[in-house]
Amino acid sequence: MAENETEQKIAQLQLFEQSMQNVLMQKQQFQAQLMEIDSALSELEKTNEAYKIVGNIMVAAEKGNLNNELESKKETLKLRIKTLEKQETQIKEKAAKMQAEVMEKIKKEK
């Protein structure tokens, strides 16, 4: 019975690892988007003319509106990254606890 429980906990640890990988991939994607937005905002400050890509074409856009839109996207991405960081911390804590339990059971079995 204890062996079966240990196997279940090991399987759960593997699920935690997969969840962690998914969270880290999403976080990395959002961080890349955030860097792109920061770069776009920096370039927008240097120019008087602004363009926006809509579908497959580039159209002229008002610099102020474009700046506001980019800042809004930036804030949304920051919130998403913060949420993912919280999830990452929770998964790490659960995994560490589970791993400690598994190691304790393995020690007792020996």
N, C-alpha and C. Protein backbone atom coordinates (compact mmCIF):
# COMPACT_ATOMS: atom_id res chain seq x y z
N MET A 1 0.82 -1.19 0.00
CA MET A 1 0.00 0.00 0.00
C MET A 1 0.87 1.26 0.00
N ALA A 2 1.89 1.28 0.83
CA ALA A 2 2.77 2.46 0.89
C ALA A 2 3.51 2.65 -0.42
N GLU A 3 3.85 1.54 -1.06
CA GLU A 3 4.56 1.62 -2.34
C GLU A 3 3.68 2.28 -3.40
N ASN A 4 2.41 1.89 -3.43
CA ASN A 4 1.46 2.45 -4.38
C ASN A 4 1.28 3.95 -4.13
N GLU A 5 1.21 4.34 -2.88
CA GLU A 5 1.06 5.75 -2.52
C GLU A 5 2.31 6.54 -2.95
N THR A 6 3.45 5.95 -2.76
CA THR A 6 4.70 6.59 -3.17
C THR A 6 4.74 6.77 -4.68
N GLU A 7 4.31 5.77 -5.40
CA GLU A 7 4.27 5.86 -6.87
C GLU A 7 3.32 6.97 -7.32
N GLN A 8 2.20 7.10 -6.63
CA GLN A 8 1.25 8.15 -6.97
C GLN A 8 1.86 9.53 -6.73
N LYS A 9 2.60 9.64 -5.64
CA LYS A 9 3.23 10.93 -5.33
C LYS A 9 4.33 11.24 -6.33
N ILE A 10 5.04 10.23 -6.77
CA ILE A 10 6.08 10.45 -7.79
C ILE A 10 5.42 10.89 -9.10
N ALA A 11 4.30 10.27 -9.44
CA ALA A 11 3.56 10.68 -10.66
C ALA A 11 3.08 12.12 -10.52
N GLN A 12 2.64 12.48 -9.32
CA GLN A 12 2.19 13.84 -9.09
C GLN A 12 3.36 14.82 -9.20
N LEU A 13 4.53 14.42 -8.74
CA LEU A 13 5.72 15.26 -8.90
C LEU A 13 6.03 15.50 -10.37
N GLN A 14 5.84 14.48 -11.19
CA GLN A 14 6.06 14.64 -12.63
C GLN A 14 5.06 15.62 -13.22
N LEU A 15 3.82 15.59 -12.73
CA LEU A 15 2.82 16.56 -13.19
C LEU A 15 3.20 17.97 -12.78
N PHE A 16 3.73 18.11 -11.56
CA PHE A 16 4.20 19.43 -11.12
C PHE A 16 5.30 19.94 -12.04
N GLU A 17 6.19 19.03 -12.43
CA GLU A 17 7.30 19.41 -13.33
C GLU A 17 6.76 19.89 -14.68
N GLN A 18 5.77 19.18 -15.21
CA GLN A 18 5.17 19.59 -16.48
C GLN A 18 4.47 20.94 -16.35
N SER A 19 3.76 21.13 -15.25
CA SER A 19 3.09 22.41 -15.01
C SER A 19 4.12 23.53 -14.93
N MET A 20 5.22 23.26 -14.25
CA MET A 20 6.28 24.26 -14.11
C MET A 20 6.85 24.63 -15.48
N GLN A 21 7.07 23.63 -16.32
CA GLN A 21 7.59 23.90 -17.66
C GLN A 21 6.61 24.76 -18.46
N ASN A 22 5.33 24.47 -18.36
CA ASN A 22 4.31 25.26 -19.07
C ASN A 22 4.30 26.70 -18.58
N VAL A 23 4.36 26.87 -17.27
CA VAL A 23 4.36 28.22 -16.70
C VAL A 23 5.60 28.98 -17.16
N LEU A 24 6.75 28.33 -17.13
CA LEU A 24 7.99 28.99 -17.53
C LEU A 24 7.98 29.36 -19.01
N MET A 25 7.39 28.50 -19.85
CA MET A 25 7.30 28.82 -21.28
C MET A 25 6.41 30.04 -21.51
N GLN A 26 5.26 30.07 -20.83
CA GLN A 26 4.36 31.21 -20.97
C GLN A 26 5.02 32.49 -20.47
N LYS A 27 5.69 32.38 -19.35
CA LYS A 27 6.37 33.54 -18.77
C LYS A 27 7.43 34.07 -19.73
N GLN A 28 8.18 33.16 -20.34
CA GLN A 28 9.22 33.56 -21.29
C GLN A 28 8.61 34.26 -22.51
N GLN A 29 7.48 33.75 -22.99
CA GLN A 29 6.81 34.38 -24.13
C GLN A 29 6.34 35.78 -23.78
N PHE A 30 5.75 35.94 -22.60
CA PHE A 30 5.27 37.25 -22.18
C PHE A 30 6.44 38.22 -21.97
N GLN A 31 7.55 37.72 -21.44
CA GLN A 31 8.71 38.58 -21.26
C GLN A 31 9.27 39.05 -22.60
N ALA A 32 9.25 38.16 -23.59
CA ALA A 32 9.70 38.55 -24.94
C ALA A 32 8.78 39.62 -25.52
N GLN A 33 7.47 39.45 -25.34
CA GLN A 33 6.52 40.45 -25.82
C GLN A 33 6.73 41.78 -25.11
N LEU A 34 7.01 41.72 -23.82
CA LEU A 34 7.25 42.93 -23.04
C LEU A 34 8.49 43.66 -23.56
N MET A 35 9.52 42.93 -23.90
CA MET A 35 10.73 43.54 -24.46
C MET A 35 10.43 44.21 -25.80
N GLU A 36 9.60 43.56 -26.62
CA GLU A 36 9.22 44.13 -27.91
C GLU A 36 8.45 45.43 -27.71
N ILE A 37 7.55 45.44 -26.77
CA ILE A 37 6.76 46.65 -26.49
C ILE A 37 7.66 47.77 -25.99
N ASP A 38 8.59 47.44 -25.07
CA ASP A 38 9.53 48.45 -24.58
C ASP A 38 10.35 49.03 -25.73
N SER A 39 10.77 48.17 -26.63
CA SER A 39 11.53 48.62 -27.79
C SER A 39 10.68 49.52 -28.69
N ALA A 40 9.43 49.13 -28.90
CA ALA A 40 8.53 49.92 -29.74
C ALA A 40 8.27 51.29 -29.09
N LEU A 41 8.07 51.30 -27.78
CA LEU A 41 7.85 52.57 -27.09
C LEU A 41 9.07 53.48 -27.19
N SER A 42 10.24 52.89 -27.09
CA SER A 42 11.48 53.65 -27.21
C SER A 42 11.61 54.27 -28.60
N GLU A 43 11.31 53.49 -29.62
CA GLU A 43 11.38 53.99 -30.99
C GLU A 43 10.31 55.04 -31.26
N LEU A 44 9.15 54.85 -30.65
CA LEU A 44 8.04 55.78 -30.84
C LEU A 44 8.40 57.17 -30.32
N GLU A 45 9.19 57.22 -29.25
CA GLU A 45 9.62 58.51 -28.70
C GLU A 45 10.52 59.28 -29.66
N LYS A 46 11.23 58.56 -30.51
CA LYS A 46 12.23 59.18 -31.39
C LYS A 46 11.65 59.70 -32.71
N THR A 47 10.39 59.42 -32.96
CA THR A 47 9.83 59.76 -34.27
C THR A 47 8.58 60.62 -34.15
N ASN A 48 8.27 61.29 -35.24
CA ASN A 48 7.04 62.09 -35.30
C ASN A 48 5.92 61.32 -35.99
N GLU A 49 6.30 60.37 -36.84
CA GLU A 49 5.32 59.58 -37.57
C GLU A 49 5.23 58.20 -36.95
N ALA A 50 4.02 57.69 -36.88
CA ALA A 50 3.83 56.37 -36.30
C ALA A 50 2.96 55.52 -37.22
N TYR A 51 3.27 54.25 -37.26
CA TYR A 51 2.51 53.29 -38.07
C TYR A 51 2.18 52.08 -37.22
N LYS A 52 1.10 51.44 -37.60
CA LYS A 52 0.64 50.27 -36.88
C LYS A 52 0.36 49.16 -37.89
N ILE A 53 0.75 47.95 -37.53
CA ILE A 53 0.48 46.82 -38.42
C ILE A 53 -0.90 46.27 -38.08
N VAL A 54 -1.75 46.24 -39.10
CA VAL A 54 -3.10 45.71 -38.95
C VAL A 54 -3.25 44.62 -40.00
N GLY A 55 -3.30 43.39 -39.54
CA GLY A 55 -3.37 42.28 -40.49
C GLY A 55 -2.08 42.21 -41.28
N ASN A 56 -2.21 42.32 -42.60
CA ASN A 56 -1.04 42.25 -43.47
C ASN A 56 -0.59 43.61 -43.99
N ILE A 57 -1.16 44.68 -43.45
CA ILE A 57 -0.78 46.01 -43.93
C ILE A 57 -0.34 46.90 -42.77
N MET A 58 0.38 47.94 -43.12
CA MET A 58 0.82 48.92 -42.14
C MET A 58 0.06 50.21 -42.42
N VAL A 59 -0.57 50.76 -41.39
CA VAL A 59 -1.34 51.98 -41.56
C VAL A 59 -0.81 53.07 -40.63
N ALA A 60 -0.99 54.30 -41.04
CA ALA A 60 -0.57 55.43 -40.20
C ALA A 60 -1.44 55.45 -38.95
N ALA A 61 -0.83 55.81 -37.84
CA ALA A 61 -1.56 55.86 -36.57
C ALA A 61 -1.15 57.11 -35.82
N GLU A 62 -2.05 57.61 -34.99
CA GLU A 62 -1.72 58.76 -34.17
C GLU A 62 -0.76 58.30 -33.08
N LYS A 63 0.32 59.04 -32.94
CA LYS A 63 1.39 58.67 -32.01
C LYS A 63 0.88 58.52 -30.58
N GLY A 64 0.05 59.43 -30.12
CA GLY A 64 -0.48 59.37 -28.76
C GLY A 64 -1.34 58.14 -28.51
N ASN A 65 -2.21 57.84 -29.47
CA ASN A 65 -3.07 56.66 -29.33
C ASN A 65 -2.25 55.37 -29.33
N LEU A 66 -1.26 55.34 -30.21
CA LEU A 66 -0.40 54.17 -30.29
C LEU A 66 0.39 54.00 -29.00
N ASN A 67 0.88 55.09 -28.46
CA ASN A 67 1.62 55.06 -27.20
C ASN A 67 0.73 54.52 -26.07
N ASN A 68 -0.51 55.03 -26.00
CA ASN A 68 -1.45 54.58 -24.97
C ASN A 68 -1.75 53.08 -25.11
N GLU A 69 -1.93 52.65 -26.35
CA GLU A 69 -2.22 51.24 -26.61
C GLU A 69 -1.05 50.35 -26.17
N LEU A 70 0.17 50.77 -26.50
CA LEU A 70 1.35 50.00 -26.12
C LEU A 70 1.53 49.97 -24.60
N GLU A 71 1.29 51.10 -23.95
CA GLU A 71 1.40 51.15 -22.49
C GLU A 71 0.37 50.23 -21.82
N SER A 72 -0.82 50.18 -22.39
CA SER A 72 -1.87 49.31 -21.87
C SER A 72 -1.47 47.84 -22.02
N LYS A 73 -0.95 47.49 -23.18
CA LYS A 73 -0.48 46.12 -23.41
C LYS A 73 0.66 45.77 -22.47
N LYS A 74 1.52 46.75 -22.23
CA LYS A 74 2.66 46.55 -21.33
C LYS A 74 2.17 46.23 -19.92
N GLU A 75 1.19 46.97 -19.43
CA GLU A 75 0.65 46.73 -18.09
C GLU A 75 -0.01 45.36 -18.00
N THR A 76 -0.74 44.99 -19.04
CA THR A 76 -1.39 43.68 -19.07
C THR A 76 -0.35 42.57 -19.00
N LEU A 77 0.71 42.71 -19.78
CA LEU A 77 1.77 41.70 -19.77
C LEU A 77 2.46 41.61 -18.41
N LYS A 78 2.68 42.76 -17.78
CA LYS A 78 3.30 42.76 -16.45
C LYS A 78 2.43 42.00 -15.44
N LEU A 79 1.11 42.21 -15.54
CA LEU A 79 0.19 41.50 -14.65
C LEU A 79 0.21 39.99 -14.90
N ARG A 80 0.25 39.63 -16.17
CA ARG A 80 0.29 38.21 -16.52
C ARG A 80 1.58 37.56 -16.01
N ILE A 81 2.68 38.26 -16.18
CA ILE A 81 3.97 37.75 -15.70
C ILE A 81 3.94 37.59 -14.18
N LYS A 82 3.38 38.57 -13.50
CA LYS A 82 3.29 38.50 -12.03
C LYS A 82 2.44 37.31 -11.60
N THR A 83 1.33 37.07 -12.30
CA THR A 83 0.47 35.93 -12.00
C THR A 83 1.22 34.62 -12.22
N LEU A 84 1.95 34.55 -13.32
CA LEU A 84 2.72 33.33 -13.61
C LEU A 84 3.81 33.11 -12.57
N GLU A 85 4.42 34.18 -12.09
CA GLU A 85 5.44 34.05 -11.05
C GLU A 85 4.83 33.51 -9.76
N LYS A 86 3.60 33.93 -9.44
CA LYS A 86 2.92 33.39 -8.27
C LYS A 86 2.64 31.91 -8.45
N GLN A 87 2.16 31.54 -9.65
CA GLN A 87 1.90 30.13 -9.93
C GLN A 87 3.19 29.32 -9.82
N GLU A 88 4.27 29.87 -10.34
CA GLU A 88 5.57 29.21 -10.30
C GLU A 88 5.98 28.95 -8.84
N THR A 89 5.81 29.94 -7.99
CA THR A 89 6.16 29.80 -6.58
C THR A 89 5.29 28.73 -5.91
N GLN A 90 4.00 28.75 -6.20
CA GLN A 90 3.10 27.76 -5.61
C GLN A 90 3.47 26.34 -6.03
N ILE A 91 3.76 26.17 -7.31
CA ILE A 91 4.12 24.84 -7.81
C ILE A 91 5.43 24.38 -7.16
N LYS A 92 6.39 25.28 -7.06
CA LYS A 92 7.67 24.92 -6.43
C LYS A 92 7.45 24.48 -4.99
N GLU A 93 6.61 25.21 -4.25
CA GLU A 93 6.35 24.87 -2.86
C GLU A 93 5.67 23.51 -2.74
N LYS A 94 4.67 23.27 -3.56
CA LYS A 94 3.96 21.98 -3.53
C LYS A 94 4.90 20.84 -3.91
N ALA A 95 5.71 21.07 -4.94
CA ALA A 95 6.65 20.04 -5.39
C ALA A 95 7.69 19.74 -4.30
N ALA A 96 8.18 20.76 -3.64
CA ALA A 96 9.18 20.56 -2.59
C ALA A 96 8.57 19.76 -1.44
N LYS A 97 7.36 20.10 -1.07
CA LYS A 97 6.68 19.38 0.00
C LYS A 97 6.46 17.92 -0.38
N MET A 98 5.99 17.71 -1.59
CA MET A 98 5.74 16.35 -2.09
C MET A 98 7.03 15.56 -2.16
N GLN A 99 8.09 16.19 -2.62
CA GLN A 99 9.38 15.52 -2.74
C GLN A 99 9.90 15.11 -1.36
N ALA A 100 9.72 15.98 -0.38
CA ALA A 100 10.15 15.67 0.98
C ALA A 100 9.37 14.46 1.52
N GLU A 101 8.07 14.41 1.24
CA GLU A 101 7.25 13.28 1.67
C GLU A 101 7.72 11.98 1.02
N VAL A 102 7.99 12.05 -0.27
CA VAL A 102 8.45 10.86 -1.00
C VAL A 102 9.79 10.38 -0.45
N MET A 103 10.70 11.32 -0.23
CA MET A 103 12.02 10.94 0.29
C MET A 103 11.88 10.32 1.68
N GLU A 104 10.99 10.84 2.50
CA GLU A 104 10.78 10.30 3.84
C GLU A 104 10.24 8.88 3.77
N LYS A 105 9.29 8.64 2.86
CA LYS A 105 8.72 7.30 2.70
C LYS A 105 9.78 6.32 2.21
N ILE A 106 10.61 6.79 1.28
CA ILE A 106 11.66 5.91 0.74
C ILE A 106 12.65 5.55 1.84
N LYS A 107 13.00 6.51 2.68
CA LYS A 107 13.91 6.24 3.80
C LYS A 107 13.32 5.23 4.77
N LYS A 108 12.01 5.36 5.04
CA LYS A 108 11.33 4.46 5.97
C LYS A 108 11.26 3.03 5.42
N GLU A 109 11.11 2.92 4.08
CA GLU A 109 11.00 1.62 3.44
C GLU A 109 12.32 0.86 3.47
N LYS A 110 13.42 1.58 3.54
CA LYS A 110 14.74 0.93 3.54
C LYS A 110 15.04 0.46 4.88
